[in-house]
Amino acid sequence: MNTSSRLKNLFRATALLASVCGTALPALALEIDLPAETALYQQSDMPGYTLTLQNCLMCHSAQYVQYQPKTSPRSYWEATVKKMKHPFGAPFPEGDIPAMVDYLTKTYGAESSAANSGK
């Protein structure tokens, strides 16, 4: 039996005991060790690079961007960034959107050298 199964069984047994005794369940703290981040945004002198580091990495890794189709047009990146702001609620200023879209489109999208070279 693996550790995950043991923890589930322990939790179930504790919940059963608590329900029989009429007591509340104790809070169980779990420690989770995540692997180190390996994906990085491609460096750039564009203002959107710094804004993307500040605004995007707080919620997801750079891999999210790297897995998008290289042929994605500016309208795709704009819609994606706006979706992160509304409805997902990413806490960055509306004024950051144009520079971030410019960086993402020119670095990862249809305006990038990779998209234009057919790679």
C-alpha atoms as a PDB file:
ATOM      1  CA  MET A   1       0.000   0.000   0.000  1.00  0.00           C
ATOM      2  CA  ASN A   2       1.492   3.360  -1.004  1.00  0.00           C
ATOM      3  CA  THR A   3       1.675   6.493   1.135  1.00  0.00           C
ATOM      4  CA  SER A   4      -1.292   8.137  -0.585  1.00  0.00           C
ATOM      5  CA  SER A   5      -3.522   5.119   0.112  1.00  0.00           C
ATOM      6  CA  ARG A   6      -2.372   5.007   3.727  1.00  0.00           C
ATOM      7  CA  LEU A   7      -3.195   8.700   4.190  1.00  0.00           C
ATOM      8  CA  LYS A   8      -6.647   8.224   2.652  1.00  0.00           C
ATOM      9  CA  ASN A   9      -7.329   5.244   4.910  1.00  0.00           C
ATOM     10  CA  LEU A  10      -6.088   7.168   7.954  1.00  0.00           C
ATOM     11  CA  PHE A  11      -8.326  10.103   7.072  1.00  0.00           C
ATOM     12  CA  ARG A  12     -11.344   7.822   6.564  1.00  0.00           C
ATOM     13  CA  ALA A  13     -10.717   6.076   9.889  1.00  0.00           C
ATOM     14  CA  THR A  14     -10.343   9.417  11.665  1.00  0.00           C
ATOM     15  CA  ALA A  15     -13.544  10.724  10.062  1.00  0.00           C
ATOM     16  CA  LEU A  16     -15.437   7.580  11.098  1.00  0.00           C
ATOM     17  CA  LEU A  17     -14.134   7.799  14.653  1.00  0.00           C
ATOM     18  CA  ALA A  18     -15.005  11.497  14.822  1.00  0.00           C
ATOM     19  CA  SER A  19     -18.545  10.873  13.583  1.00  0.00           C
ATOM     20  CA  VAL A  20     -19.080   8.057  16.109  1.00  0.00           C
ATOM     21  CA  CYS A  21     -17.681  10.143  18.975  1.00  0.00           C
ATOM     22  CA  GLY A  22     -19.366  13.361  17.863  1.00  0.00           C
ATOM     23  CA  THR A  23     -16.126  15.338  17.710  1.00  0.00           C
ATOM     24  CA  ALA A  24     -14.656  17.548  15.028  1.00  0.00           C
ATOM     25  CA  LEU A  25     -11.935  16.294  12.708  1.00  0.00           C
ATOM     26  CA  PRO A  26      -8.434  17.490  13.480  1.00  0.00           C
ATOM     27  CA  ALA A  27      -6.750  19.651  10.860  1.00  0.00           C
ATOM     28  CA  LEU A  28      -4.133  17.655   9.012  1.00  0.00           C
ATOM     29  CA  ALA A  29      -1.192  19.561   7.552  1.00  0.00           C
ATOM     30  CA  LEU A  30       0.451  18.033   4.521  1.00  0.00           C
ATOM     31  CA  GLU A  31       3.806  19.057   3.175  1.00  0.00           C
ATOM     32  CA  ILE A  32       4.120  19.057  -0.586  1.00  0.00           C
ATOM     33  CA  ASP A  33       7.498  19.388  -2.299  1.00  0.00           C
ATOM     34  CA  LEU A  34       7.179  20.613  -5.859  1.00  0.00           C
ATOM     35  CA  PRO A  35       9.981  20.250  -8.393  1.00  0.00           C
ATOM     36  CA  ALA A  36      12.004  23.348  -9.214  1.00  0.00           C
ATOM     37  CA  GLU A  37      10.706  25.486 -12.087  1.00  0.00           C
ATOM     38  CA  THR A  38      12.668  24.850 -15.275  1.00  0.00           C
ATOM     39  CA  ALA A  39      10.679  26.771 -17.892  1.00  0.00           C
ATOM     40  CA  LEU A  40      11.715  30.373 -18.469  1.00  0.00           C
ATOM     41  CA  TYR A  41      10.272  33.185 -20.529  1.00  0.00           C
ATOM     42  CA  GLN A  42      12.509  34.135 -23.436  1.00  0.00           C
ATOM     43  CA  GLN A  43      14.502  37.233 -22.489  1.00  0.00           C
ATOM     44  CA  SER A  44      13.793  40.416 -24.393  1.00  0.00           C
ATOM     45  CA  ASP A  45      14.391  44.156 -24.275  1.00  0.00           C
ATOM     46  CA  MET A  46      10.683  44.702 -24.936  1.00  0.00           C
ATOM     47  CA  PRO A  47       8.790  46.264 -21.989  1.00  0.00           C
ATOM     48  CA  GLY A  48       6.328  43.380 -22.135  1.00  0.00           C
ATOM     49  CA  TYR A  49       9.009  40.911 -21.061  1.00  0.00           C
ATOM     50  CA  THR A  50       9.354  42.432 -17.592  1.00  0.00           C
ATOM     51  CA  LEU A  51       5.587  42.872 -17.295  1.00  0.00           C
ATOM     52  CA  THR A  52       5.037  39.239 -18.283  1.00  0.00           C
ATOM     53  CA  LEU A  53       7.507  38.097 -15.614  1.00  0.00           C
ATOM     54  CA  GLN A  54       5.752  40.240 -13.007  1.00  0.00           C
ATOM     55  CA  ASN A  55       2.178  39.475 -14.010  1.00  0.00           C
ATOM     56  CA  CYS A  56       2.084  35.949 -15.405  1.00  0.00           C
ATOM     57  CA  LEU A  57       4.457  33.967 -13.212  1.00  0.00           C
ATOM     58  CA  MET A  58       2.379  34.670 -10.117  1.00  0.00           C
ATOM     59  CA  CYS A  59      -0.266  32.258 -11.438  1.00  0.00           C
ATOM     60  CA  HIS A  60       1.388  29.831 -13.858  1.00  0.00           C
ATOM     61  CA  SER A  61       4.706  28.717 -15.260  1.00  0.00           C
ATOM     62  CA  ALA A  62       6.224  29.834 -18.531  1.00  0.00           C
ATOM     63  CA  GLN A  63       5.330  26.428 -19.967  1.00  0.00           C
ATOM     64  CA  TYR A  64       1.741  27.607 -20.367  1.00  0.00           C
ATOM     65  CA  VAL A  65       2.928  30.168 -22.917  1.00  0.00           C
ATOM     66  CA  GLN A  66       5.459  27.868 -24.559  1.00  0.00           C
ATOM     67  CA  TYR A  67       2.767  25.289 -25.365  1.00  0.00           C
ATOM     68  CA  GLN A  68       0.625  27.722 -27.359  1.00  0.00           C
ATOM     69  CA  PRO A  69       0.616  27.380 -31.157  1.00  0.00           C
ATOM     70  CA  LYS A  70       3.462  29.329 -32.807  1.00  0.00           C
ATOM     71  CA  THR A  71       0.996  30.599 -35.397  1.00  0.00           C
ATOM     72  CA  SER A  72      -1.241  32.294 -32.812  1.00  0.00           C
ATOM     73  CA  PRO A  73      -2.075  35.795 -34.073  1.00  0.00           C
ATOM     74  CA  ARG A  74      -2.023  38.992 -32.025  1.00  0.00           C
ATOM     75  CA  SER A  75      -5.801  38.728 -31.514  1.00  0.00           C
ATOM     76  CA  TYR A  76      -5.311  35.324 -29.828  1.00  0.00           C
ATOM     77  CA  TRP A  77      -2.695  36.671 -27.409  1.00  0.00           C
ATOM     78  CA  GLU A  78      -4.795  39.740 -26.669  1.00  0.00           C
ATOM     79  CA  ALA A  79      -7.856  37.611 -25.926  1.00  0.00           C
ATOM     80  CA  THR A  80      -5.766  35.284 -23.746  1.00  0.00           C
ATOM     81  CA  VAL A  81      -4.220  38.083 -21.687  1.00  0.00           C
ATOM     82  CA  LYS A  82      -7.608  39.767 -21.289  1.00  0.00           C
ATOM     83  CA  LYS A  83      -9.079  36.414 -20.195  1.00  0.00           C
ATOM     84  CA  MET A  84      -6.438  36.187 -17.490  1.00  0.00           C
ATOM     85  CA  LYS A  85      -7.505  39.648 -16.285  1.00  0.00           C
ATOM     86  CA  HIS A  86     -11.273  39.134 -16.729  1.00  0.00           C
ATOM     87  CA  PRO A  87     -12.777  36.656 -15.727  1.00  0.00           C
ATOM     88  CA  PHE A  88      -9.806  34.925 -14.042  1.00  0.00           C
ATOM     89  CA  GLY A  89      -8.961  38.037 -12.012  1.00  0.00           C
ATOM     90  CA  ALA A  90      -5.216  38.352 -12.548  1.00  0.00           C
ATOM     91  CA  PRO A  91      -4.195  41.421 -10.535  1.00  0.00           C
ATOM     92  CA  PHE A  92      -2.352  43.460 -13.164  1.00  0.00           C
ATOM     93  CA  PRO A  93      -3.250  46.898 -14.530  1.00  0.00           C
ATOM     94  CA  GLU A  94      -5.206  47.169 -17.781  1.00  0.00           C
ATOM     95  CA  GLY A  95      -2.400  49.415 -19.009  1.00  0.00           C
ATOM     96  CA  ASP A  96       0.046  46.464 -18.992  1.00  0.00           C
ATOM     97  CA  ILE A  97      -1.972  44.516 -21.545  1.00  0.00           C
ATOM     98  CA  PRO A  98      -0.697  46.093 -24.821  1.00  0.00           C
ATOM     99  CA  ALA A  99       3.000  45.630 -23.941  1.00  0.00           C
ATOM    100  CA  MET A 100       2.440  42.066 -22.725  1.00  0.00           C
ATOM    101  CA  VAL A 101       0.517  41.180 -25.889  1.00  0.00           C
ATOM    102  CA  ASP A 102       3.268  42.705 -28.027  1.00  0.00           C
ATOM    103  CA  TYR A 103       5.948  40.662 -26.251  1.00  0.00           C
ATOM    104  CA  LEU A 104       3.949  37.413 -26.392  1.00  0.00           C
ATOM    105  CA  THR A 105       3.002  37.828 -30.060  1.00  0.00           C
ATOM    106  CA  LYS A 106       6.529  38.712 -31.180  1.00  0.00           C
ATOM    107  CA  THR A 107       8.203  36.071 -29.010  1.00  0.00           C
ATOM    108  CA  TYR A 108       5.800  33.110 -29.067  1.00  0.00           C
ATOM    109  CA  GLY A 109       3.161  33.882 -31.659  1.00  0.00           C
ATOM    110  CA  ALA A 110       2.637  34.558 -35.345  1.00  0.00           C
ATOM    111  CA  GLU A 111       5.011  37.536 -35.350  1.00  0.00           C
ATOM    112  CA  SER A 112       7.937  35.547 -33.912  1.00  0.00           C
ATOM    113  CA  SER A 113      10.981  34.501 -35.918  1.00  0.00           C
ATOM    114  CA  ALA A 114      10.119  30.812 -35.214  1.00  0.00           C
ATOM    115  CA  ALA A 115       6.664  31.230 -36.760  1.00  0.00           C
ATOM    116  CA  ASN A 116       8.052  33.087 -39.763  1.00  0.00           C
ATOM    117  CA  SER A 117      10.835  30.558 -40.409  1.00  0.00           C
ATOM    118  CA  GLY A 118       8.415  27.614 -40.428  1.00  0.00           C
ATOM    119  CA  LYS A 119       9.912  25.969 -37.314  1.00  0.00           C
END
